[in-house]
Amino acid sequence: MLNLGASAEMHPVVRAASVAFGPFAGPLIGAACKALVCLAVAVYLRPAAVRILLATAGLYLFAAWYNVWGIYWCV
C-alpha cells in the first residue's frame, strides 16, 4: 500500500479506511471493522453464522495466500 496507494486495495472497507486514515492506520481500522461485522453475523445470524464465517475465512485465507505466494505463480 505504501508503493501503490490505497487504490490498490480490493476490500472496500479497508480501502475507505486507508483513504481516510492513511496506509498504516487504515488497514488496522478496516480489519477492526471486519471483525465487528463477523461478531454481528455471529450474534444476529446465529443459524447460518457457521457457514457464513467459514466461507469468509476460506476466502480470506486464499486472498492472504495469493498476496504472499500466489501472485508469483500466476504471472
PDB file of N, CA and C in Angstrom:
ATOM      1  N   MET A   1       0.824  -1.179   0.000  1.00  0.00           N
ATOM      2  CA  MET A   1       0.000   0.000   0.000  1.00  0.00           C
ATOM      3  C   MET A   1       0.871   1.247   0.000  1.00  0.00           C
ATOM      4  N   LEU A   2       2.047   1.163   0.584  1.00  0.00           N
ATOM      5  CA  LEU A   2       2.938   2.314   0.563  1.00  0.00           C
ATOM      6  C   LEU A   2       3.411   2.605  -0.857  1.00  0.00           C
ATOM      7  N   ASN A   3       3.597   1.569  -1.666  1.00  0.00           N
ATOM      8  CA  ASN A   3       4.074   1.767  -3.034  1.00  0.00           C
ATOM      9  C   ASN A   3       2.958   2.147  -3.991  1.00  0.00           C
ATOM     10  N   LEU A   4       1.824   1.451  -3.923  1.00  0.00           N
ATOM     11  CA  LEU A   4       0.759   1.633  -4.903  1.00  0.00           C
ATOM     12  C   LEU A   4      -0.381   2.520  -4.429  1.00  0.00           C
ATOM     13  N   GLY A   5      -0.444   2.804  -3.159  1.00  0.00           N
ATOM     14  CA  GLY A   5      -1.519   3.637  -2.628  1.00  0.00           C
ATOM     15  C   GLY A   5      -2.743   2.826  -2.233  1.00  0.00           C
ATOM     16  N   ALA A   6      -3.703   3.494  -1.655  1.00  0.00           N
ATOM     17  CA  ALA A   6      -4.905   2.824  -1.169  1.00  0.00           C
ATOM     18  C   ALA A   6      -5.787   2.314  -2.303  1.00  0.00           C
ATOM     19  N   SER A   7      -5.636   2.847  -3.488  1.00  0.00           N
ATOM     20  CA  SER A   7      -6.473   2.407  -4.605  1.00  0.00           C
ATOM     21  C   SER A   7      -6.164   0.975  -5.029  1.00  0.00           C
ATOM     22  N   ALA A   8      -5.016   0.430  -4.631  1.00  0.00           N
ATOM     23  CA  ALA A   8      -4.664  -0.951  -4.964  1.00  0.00           C
ATOM     24  C   ALA A   8      -5.391  -1.957  -4.069  1.00  0.00           C
ATOM     25  N   GLU A   9      -5.955  -1.515  -2.961  1.00  0.00           N
ATOM     26  CA  GLU A   9      -6.667  -2.409  -2.037  1.00  0.00           C
ATOM     27  C   GLU A   9      -8.001  -2.815  -2.645  1.00  0.00           C
ATOM     28  N   MET A  10      -8.312  -4.119  -2.580  1.00  0.00           N
ATOM     29  CA  MET A  10      -9.538  -4.623  -3.183  1.00  0.00           C
ATOM     30  C   MET A  10     -10.740  -4.577  -2.235  1.00  0.00           C
ATOM     31  N   HIS A  11     -10.514  -4.722  -0.939  1.00  0.00           N
ATOM     32  CA  HIS A  11     -11.629  -4.739   0.014  1.00  0.00           C
ATOM     33  C   HIS A  11     -12.127  -3.307   0.220  1.00  0.00           C
ATOM     34  N   PRO A  12     -13.412  -3.056  -0.015  1.00  0.00           N
ATOM     35  CA  PRO A  12     -13.906  -1.676   0.030  1.00  0.00           C
ATOM     36  C   PRO A  12     -13.803  -1.020   1.407  1.00  0.00           C
ATOM     37  N   VAL A  13     -13.973  -1.784   2.466  1.00  0.00           N
ATOM     38  CA  VAL A  13     -13.883  -1.189   3.814  1.00  0.00           C
ATOM     39  C   VAL A  13     -12.445  -0.802   4.125  1.00  0.00           C
ATOM     40  N   VAL A  14     -11.504  -1.676   3.804  1.00  0.00           N
ATOM     41  CA  VAL A  14     -10.093  -1.378   4.062  1.00  0.00           C
ATOM     42  C   VAL A  14      -9.636  -0.219   3.180  1.00  0.00           C
ATOM     43  N   ARG A  15     -10.098  -0.185   1.928  1.00  0.00           N
ATOM     44  CA  ARG A  15      -9.724   0.908   1.029  1.00  0.00           C
ATOM     45  C   ARG A  15     -10.253   2.240   1.556  1.00  0.00           C
ATOM     46  N   ALA A  16     -11.509   2.272   1.992  1.00  0.00           N
ATOM     47  CA  ALA A  16     -12.084   3.518   2.512  1.00  0.00           C
ATOM     48  C   ALA A  16     -11.359   3.962   3.783  1.00  0.00           C
ATOM     49  N   ALA A  17     -11.061   3.025   4.656  1.00  0.00           N
ATOM     50  CA  ALA A  17     -10.342   3.374   5.883  1.00  0.00           C
ATOM     51  C   ALA A  17      -8.924   3.838   5.574  1.00  0.00           C
ATOM     52  N   SER A  18      -8.306   3.251   4.557  1.00  0.00           N
ATOM     53  CA  SER A  18      -6.946   3.651   4.192  1.00  0.00           C
ATOM     54  C   SER A  18      -6.916   5.041   3.581  1.00  0.00           C
ATOM     55  N   VAL A  19      -7.929   5.358   2.803  1.00  0.00           N
ATOM     56  CA  VAL A  19      -8.004   6.708   2.246  1.00  0.00           C
ATOM     57  C   VAL A  19      -8.227   7.716   3.364  1.00  0.00           C
ATOM     58  N   ALA A  20      -9.064   7.370   4.327  1.00  0.00           N
ATOM     59  CA  ALA A  20      -9.398   8.299   5.403  1.00  0.00           C
ATOM     60  C   ALA A  20      -8.301   8.425   6.456  1.00  0.00           C
ATOM     61  N   PHE A  21      -7.642   7.287   6.794  1.00  0.00           N
ATOM     62  CA  PHE A  21      -6.715   7.294   7.926  1.00  0.00           C
ATOM     63  C   PHE A  21      -5.261   7.032   7.563  1.00  0.00           C
ATOM     64  N   GLY A  22      -4.966   6.787   6.305  1.00  0.00           N
ATOM     65  CA  GLY A  22      -3.583   6.584   5.884  1.00  0.00           C
ATOM     66  C   GLY A  22      -3.229   5.121   5.713  1.00  0.00           C
ATOM     67  N   PRO A  23      -2.024   4.864   5.166  1.00  0.00           N
ATOM     68  CA  PRO A  23      -1.647   3.491   4.823  1.00  0.00           C
ATOM     69  C   PRO A  23      -1.276   2.611   6.014  1.00  0.00           C
ATOM     70  N   PHE A  24      -1.077   3.171   7.176  1.00  0.00           N
ATOM     71  CA  PHE A  24      -0.762   2.341   8.344  1.00  0.00           C
ATOM     72  C   PHE A  24      -1.994   2.106   9.204  1.00  0.00           C
ATOM     73  N   ALA A  25      -2.665   3.167   9.601  1.00  0.00           N
ATOM     74  CA  ALA A  25      -3.832   3.036  10.477  1.00  0.00           C
ATOM     75  C   ALA A  25      -5.060   2.544   9.718  1.00  0.00           C
ATOM     76  N   GLY A  26      -5.152   2.835   8.434  1.00  0.00           N
ATOM     77  CA  GLY A  26      -6.316   2.444   7.647  1.00  0.00           C
ATOM     78  C   GLY A  26      -6.569   0.951   7.615  1.00  0.00           C
ATOM     79  N   PRO A  27      -5.564   0.126   7.265  1.00  0.00           N
ATOM     80  CA  PRO A  27      -5.793  -1.320   7.280  1.00  0.00           C
ATOM     81  C   PRO A  27      -6.128  -1.863   8.673  1.00  0.00           C
ATOM     82  N   LEU A  28      -5.555  -1.279   9.712  1.00  0.00           N
ATOM     83  CA  LEU A  28      -5.876  -1.725  11.070  1.00  0.00           C
ATOM     84  C   LEU A  28      -7.327  -1.403  11.419  1.00  0.00           C
ATOM     85  N   ILE A  29      -7.764  -0.221  11.072  1.00  0.00           N
ATOM     86  CA  ILE A  29      -9.151   0.161  11.337  1.00  0.00           C
ATOM     87  C   ILE A  29     -10.101  -0.660  10.467  1.00  0.00           C
ATOM     88  N   GLY A  30      -9.713  -0.902   9.210  1.00  0.00           N
ATOM     89  CA  GLY A  30     -10.527  -1.738   8.336  1.00  0.00           C
ATOM     90  C   GLY A  30     -10.659  -3.158   8.860  1.00  0.00           C
ATOM     91  N   ALA A  31      -9.573  -3.711   9.373  1.00  0.00           N
ATOM     92  CA  ALA A  31      -9.618  -5.058   9.952  1.00  0.00           C
ATOM     93  C   ALA A  31     -10.506  -5.088  11.205  1.00  0.00           C
ATOM     94  N   ALA A  32     -10.455  -4.033  11.995  1.00  0.00           N
ATOM     95  CA  ALA A  32     -11.322  -3.966  13.180  1.00  0.00           C
ATOM     96  C   ALA A  32     -12.792  -3.907  12.760  1.00  0.00           C
ATOM     97  N   CYS A  33     -13.092  -3.175  11.700  1.00  0.00           N
ATOM     98  CA  CYS A  33     -14.473  -3.121  11.194  1.00  0.00           C
ATOM     99  C   CYS A  33     -14.921  -4.493  10.699  1.00  0.00           C
ATOM    100  N   LYS A  34     -14.036  -5.207  10.004  1.00  0.00           N
ATOM    101  CA  LYS A  34     -14.386  -6.544   9.527  1.00  0.00           C
ATOM    102  C   LYS A  34     -14.627  -7.486  10.701  1.00  0.00           C
ATOM    103  N   ALA A  35     -13.842  -7.362  11.766  1.00  0.00           N
ATOM    104  CA  ALA A  35     -14.038  -8.202  12.945  1.00  0.00           C
ATOM    105  C   ALA A  35     -15.377  -7.898  13.615  1.00  0.00           C
ATOM    106  N   LEU A  36     -15.752  -6.633  13.657  1.00  0.00           N
ATOM    107  CA  LEU A  36     -17.050  -6.271  14.237  1.00  0.00           C
ATOM    108  C   LEU A  36     -18.202  -6.825  13.410  1.00  0.00           C
ATOM    109  N   VAL A  37     -18.059  -6.843  12.094  1.00  0.00           N
ATOM    110  CA  VAL A  37     -19.101  -7.422  11.240  1.00  0.00           C
ATOM    111  C   VAL A  37     -19.205  -8.923  11.485  1.00  0.00           C
ATOM    112  N   CYS A  38     -18.063  -9.600  11.640  1.00  0.00           N
ATOM    113  CA  CYS A  38     -18.089 -11.037  11.949  1.00  0.00           C
ATOM    114  C   CYS A  38     -18.794 -11.293  13.273  1.00  0.00           C
ATOM    115  N   LEU A  39     -18.551 -10.456  14.249  1.00  0.00           N
ATOM    116  CA  LEU A  39     -19.220 -10.589  15.537  1.00  0.00           C
ATOM    117  C   LEU A  39     -20.730 -10.363  15.386  1.00  0.00           C
ATOM    118  N   ALA A  40     -21.111  -9.373  14.600  1.00  0.00           N
ATOM    119  CA  ALA A  40     -22.534  -9.113  14.380  1.00  0.00           C
ATOM    120  C   ALA A  40     -23.202 -10.282  13.658  1.00  0.00           C
ATOM    121  N   VAL A  41     -22.501 -10.878  12.681  1.00  0.00           N
ATOM    122  CA  VAL A  41     -23.041 -12.055  11.987  1.00  0.00           C
ATOM    123  C   VAL A  41     -23.239 -13.193  12.968  1.00  0.00           C
ATOM    124  N   ALA A  42     -22.259 -13.404  13.847  1.00  0.00           N
ATOM    125  CA  ALA A  42     -22.357 -14.493  14.816  1.00  0.00           C
ATOM    126  C   ALA A  42     -23.512 -14.280  15.795  1.00  0.00           C
ATOM    127  N   VAL A  43     -23.799 -13.043  16.130  1.00  0.00           N
ATOM    128  CA  VAL A  43     -24.860 -12.763  17.096  1.00  0.00           C
ATOM    129  C   VAL A  43     -26.242 -12.774  16.444  1.00  0.00           C
ATOM    130  N   TYR A  44     -26.379 -12.084  15.309  1.00  0.00           N
ATOM    131  CA  TYR A  44     -27.708 -11.882  14.729  1.00  0.00           C
ATOM    132  C   TYR A  44     -28.119 -12.945  13.715  1.00  0.00           C
ATOM    133  N   LEU A  45     -27.183 -13.613  13.111  1.00  0.00           N
ATOM    134  CA  LEU A  45     -27.497 -14.657  12.130  1.00  0.00           C
ATOM    135  C   LEU A  45     -27.014 -16.008  12.630  1.00  0.00           C
ATOM    136  N   ARG A  46     -27.309 -16.299  13.861  1.00  0.00           N
ATOM    137  CA  ARG A  46     -26.784 -17.480  14.527  1.00  0.00           C
ATOM    138  C   ARG A  46     -26.993 -18.787  13.762  1.00  0.00           C
ATOM    139  N   PRO A  47     -28.148 -19.075  13.172  1.00  0.00           N
ATOM    140  CA  PRO A  47     -28.303 -20.358  12.475  1.00  0.00           C
ATOM    141  C   PRO A  47     -27.368 -20.517  11.271  1.00  0.00           C
ATOM    142  N   ALA A  48     -27.099 -19.443  10.569  1.00  0.00           N
ATOM    143  CA  ALA A  48     -26.256 -19.530   9.371  1.00  0.00           C
ATOM    144  C   ALA A  48     -24.839 -19.022   9.621  1.00  0.00           C
ATOM    145  N   ALA A  49     -24.521 -18.624  10.827  1.00  0.00           N
ATOM    146  CA  ALA A  49     -23.237 -17.984  11.121  1.00  0.00           C
ATOM    147  C   ALA A  49     -22.051 -18.886  10.818  1.00  0.00           C
ATOM    148  N   VAL A  50     -22.149 -20.161  11.126  1.00  0.00           N
ATOM    149  CA  VAL A  50     -21.014 -21.058  10.912  1.00  0.00           C
ATOM    150  C   VAL A  50     -20.679 -21.135   9.427  1.00  0.00           C
ATOM    151  N   ARG A  51     -21.679 -21.309   8.592  1.00  0.00           N
ATOM    152  CA  ARG A  51     -21.438 -21.399   7.143  1.00  0.00           C
ATOM    153  C   ARG A  51     -20.891 -20.085   6.595  1.00  0.00           C
ATOM    154  N   ILE A  52     -21.457 -18.977   7.012  1.00  0.00           N
ATOM    155  CA  ILE A  52     -21.013 -17.673   6.519  1.00  0.00           C
ATOM    156  C   ILE A  52     -19.582 -17.397   6.946  1.00  0.00           C
ATOM    157  N   LEU A  53     -19.268 -17.637   8.216  1.00  0.00           N
ATOM    158  CA  LEU A  53     -17.927 -17.334   8.723  1.00  0.00           C
ATOM    159  C   LEU A  53     -16.875 -18.292   8.176  1.00  0.00           C
ATOM    160  N   LEU A  54     -17.232 -19.555   7.949  1.00  0.00           N
ATOM    161  CA  LEU A  54     -16.274 -20.475   7.327  1.00  0.00           C
ATOM    162  C   LEU A  54     -15.988 -20.085   5.881  1.00  0.00           C
ATOM    163  N   ALA A  55     -17.007 -19.686   5.158  1.00  0.00           N
ATOM    164  CA  ALA A  55     -16.789 -19.234   3.780  1.00  0.00           C
ATOM    165  C   ALA A  55     -15.927 -17.970   3.755  1.00  0.00           C
ATOM    166  N   THR A  56     -16.194 -17.058   4.660  1.00  0.00           N
ATOM    167  CA  THR A  56     -15.405 -15.837   4.742  1.00  0.00           C
ATOM    168  C   THR A  56     -13.961 -16.143   5.111  1.00  0.00           C
ATOM    169  N   ALA A  57     -13.754 -17.020   6.070  1.00  0.00           N
ATOM    170  CA  ALA A  57     -12.391 -17.385   6.466  1.00  0.00           C
ATOM    171  C   ALA A  57     -11.650 -18.043   5.301  1.00  0.00           C
ATOM    172  N   GLY A  58     -12.338 -18.904   4.555  1.00  0.00           N
ATOM    173  CA  GLY A  58     -11.704 -19.531   3.398  1.00  0.00           C
ATOM    174  C   GLY A  58     -11.298 -18.513   2.344  1.00  0.00           C
ATOM    175  N   LEU A  59     -12.173 -17.542   2.070  1.00  0.00           N
ATOM    176  CA  LEU A  59     -11.829 -16.504   1.099  1.00  0.00           C
ATOM    177  C   LEU A  59     -10.671 -15.644   1.575  1.00  0.00           C
ATOM    178  N   TYR A  60     -10.645 -15.308   2.855  1.00  0.00           N
ATOM    179  CA  TYR A  60      -9.547 -14.504   3.386  1.00  0.00           C
ATOM    180  C   TYR A  60      -8.231 -15.282   3.381  1.00  0.00           C
ATOM    181  N   LEU A  61      -8.289 -16.587   3.669  1.00  0.00           N
ATOM    182  CA  LEU A  61      -7.068 -17.389   3.600  1.00  0.00           C
ATOM    183  C   LEU A  61      -6.540 -17.465   2.179  1.00  0.00           C
ATOM    184  N   PHE A  62      -7.436 -17.633   1.208  1.00  0.00           N
ATOM    185  CA  PHE A  62      -6.992 -17.652  -0.181  1.00  0.00           C
ATOM    186  C   PHE A  62      -6.391 -16.308  -0.574  1.00  0.00           C
ATOM    187  N   ALA A  63      -7.028 -15.206  -0.184  1.00  0.00           N
ATOM    188  CA  ALA A  63      -6.511 -13.881  -0.514  1.00  0.00           C
ATOM    189  C   ALA A  63      -5.137 -13.651   0.110  1.00  0.00           C
ATOM    190  N   ALA A  64      -4.954 -14.096   1.351  1.00  0.00           N
ATOM    191  CA  ALA A  64      -3.650 -13.947   2.001  1.00  0.00           C
ATOM    192  C   ALA A  64      -2.591 -14.791   1.287  1.00  0.00           C
ATOM    193  N   TRP A  65      -2.940 -16.025   0.936  1.00  0.00           N
ATOM    194  CA  TRP A  65      -2.001 -16.877   0.195  1.00  0.00           C
ATOM    195  C   TRP A  65      -1.634 -16.237  -1.134  1.00  0.00           C
ATOM    196  N   TYR A  66      -2.624 -15.728  -1.844  1.00  0.00           N
ATOM    197  CA  TYR A  66      -2.371 -15.134  -3.146  1.00  0.00           C
ATOM    198  C   TYR A  66      -1.481 -13.899  -3.032  1.00  0.00           C
ATOM    199  N   ASN A  67      -1.726 -13.066  -2.010  1.00  0.00           N
ATOM    200  CA  ASN A  67      -0.929 -11.853  -1.837  1.00  0.00           C
ATOM    201  C   ASN A  67       0.521 -12.167  -1.503  1.00  0.00           C
ATOM    202  N   VAL A  68       0.772 -13.270  -0.804  1.00  0.00           N
ATOM    203  CA  VAL A  68       2.134 -13.577  -0.388  1.00  0.00           C
ATOM    204  C   VAL A  68       2.847 -14.459  -1.410  1.00  0.00           C
ATOM    205  N   TRP A  69       2.210 -15.556  -1.846  1.00  0.00           N
ATOM    206  CA  TRP A  69       2.883 -16.500  -2.723  1.00  0.00           C
ATOM    207  C   TRP A  69       2.231 -16.650  -4.094  1.00  0.00           C
ATOM    208  N   GLY A  70       0.936 -16.626  -4.163  1.00  0.00           N
ATOM    209  CA  GLY A  70       0.222 -16.945  -5.389  1.00  0.00           C
ATOM    210  C   GLY A  70       0.467 -15.977  -6.519  1.00  0.00           C
ATOM    211  N   ILE A  71       0.720 -14.719  -6.205  1.00  0.00           N
ATOM    212  CA  ILE A  71       0.925 -13.732  -7.241  1.00  0.00           C
ATOM    213  C   ILE A  71       2.130 -14.082  -8.109  1.00  0.00           C
ATOM    214  N   TYR A  72       3.126 -14.765  -7.528  1.00  0.00           N
ATOM    215  CA  TYR A  72       4.308 -15.144  -8.282  1.00  0.00           C
ATOM    216  C   TYR A  72       4.046 -16.372  -9.152  1.00  0.00           C
ATOM    217  N   TRP A  73       3.081 -17.196  -8.786  1.00  0.00           N
ATOM    218  CA  TRP A  73       2.768 -18.393  -9.555  1.00  0.00           C
ATOM    219  C   TRP A  73       1.855 -18.085 -10.728  1.00  0.00           C
ATOM    220  N   CYS A  74       1.092 -17.014 -10.627  1.00  0.00           N
ATOM    221  CA  CYS A  74       0.074 -16.703 -11.640  1.00  0.00           C
ATOM    222  C   CYS A  74       0.523 -15.637 -12.631  1.00  0.00           C
ATOM    223  N   VAL A  75       1.795 -15.298 -12.638  1.00  0.00           N
ATOM    224  CA  VAL A  75       2.284 -14.242 -13.547  1.00  0.00           C
ATOM    225  C   VAL A  75       2.572 -14.812 -14.906  1.00  0.00           C
TER     226      VAL A  75
END
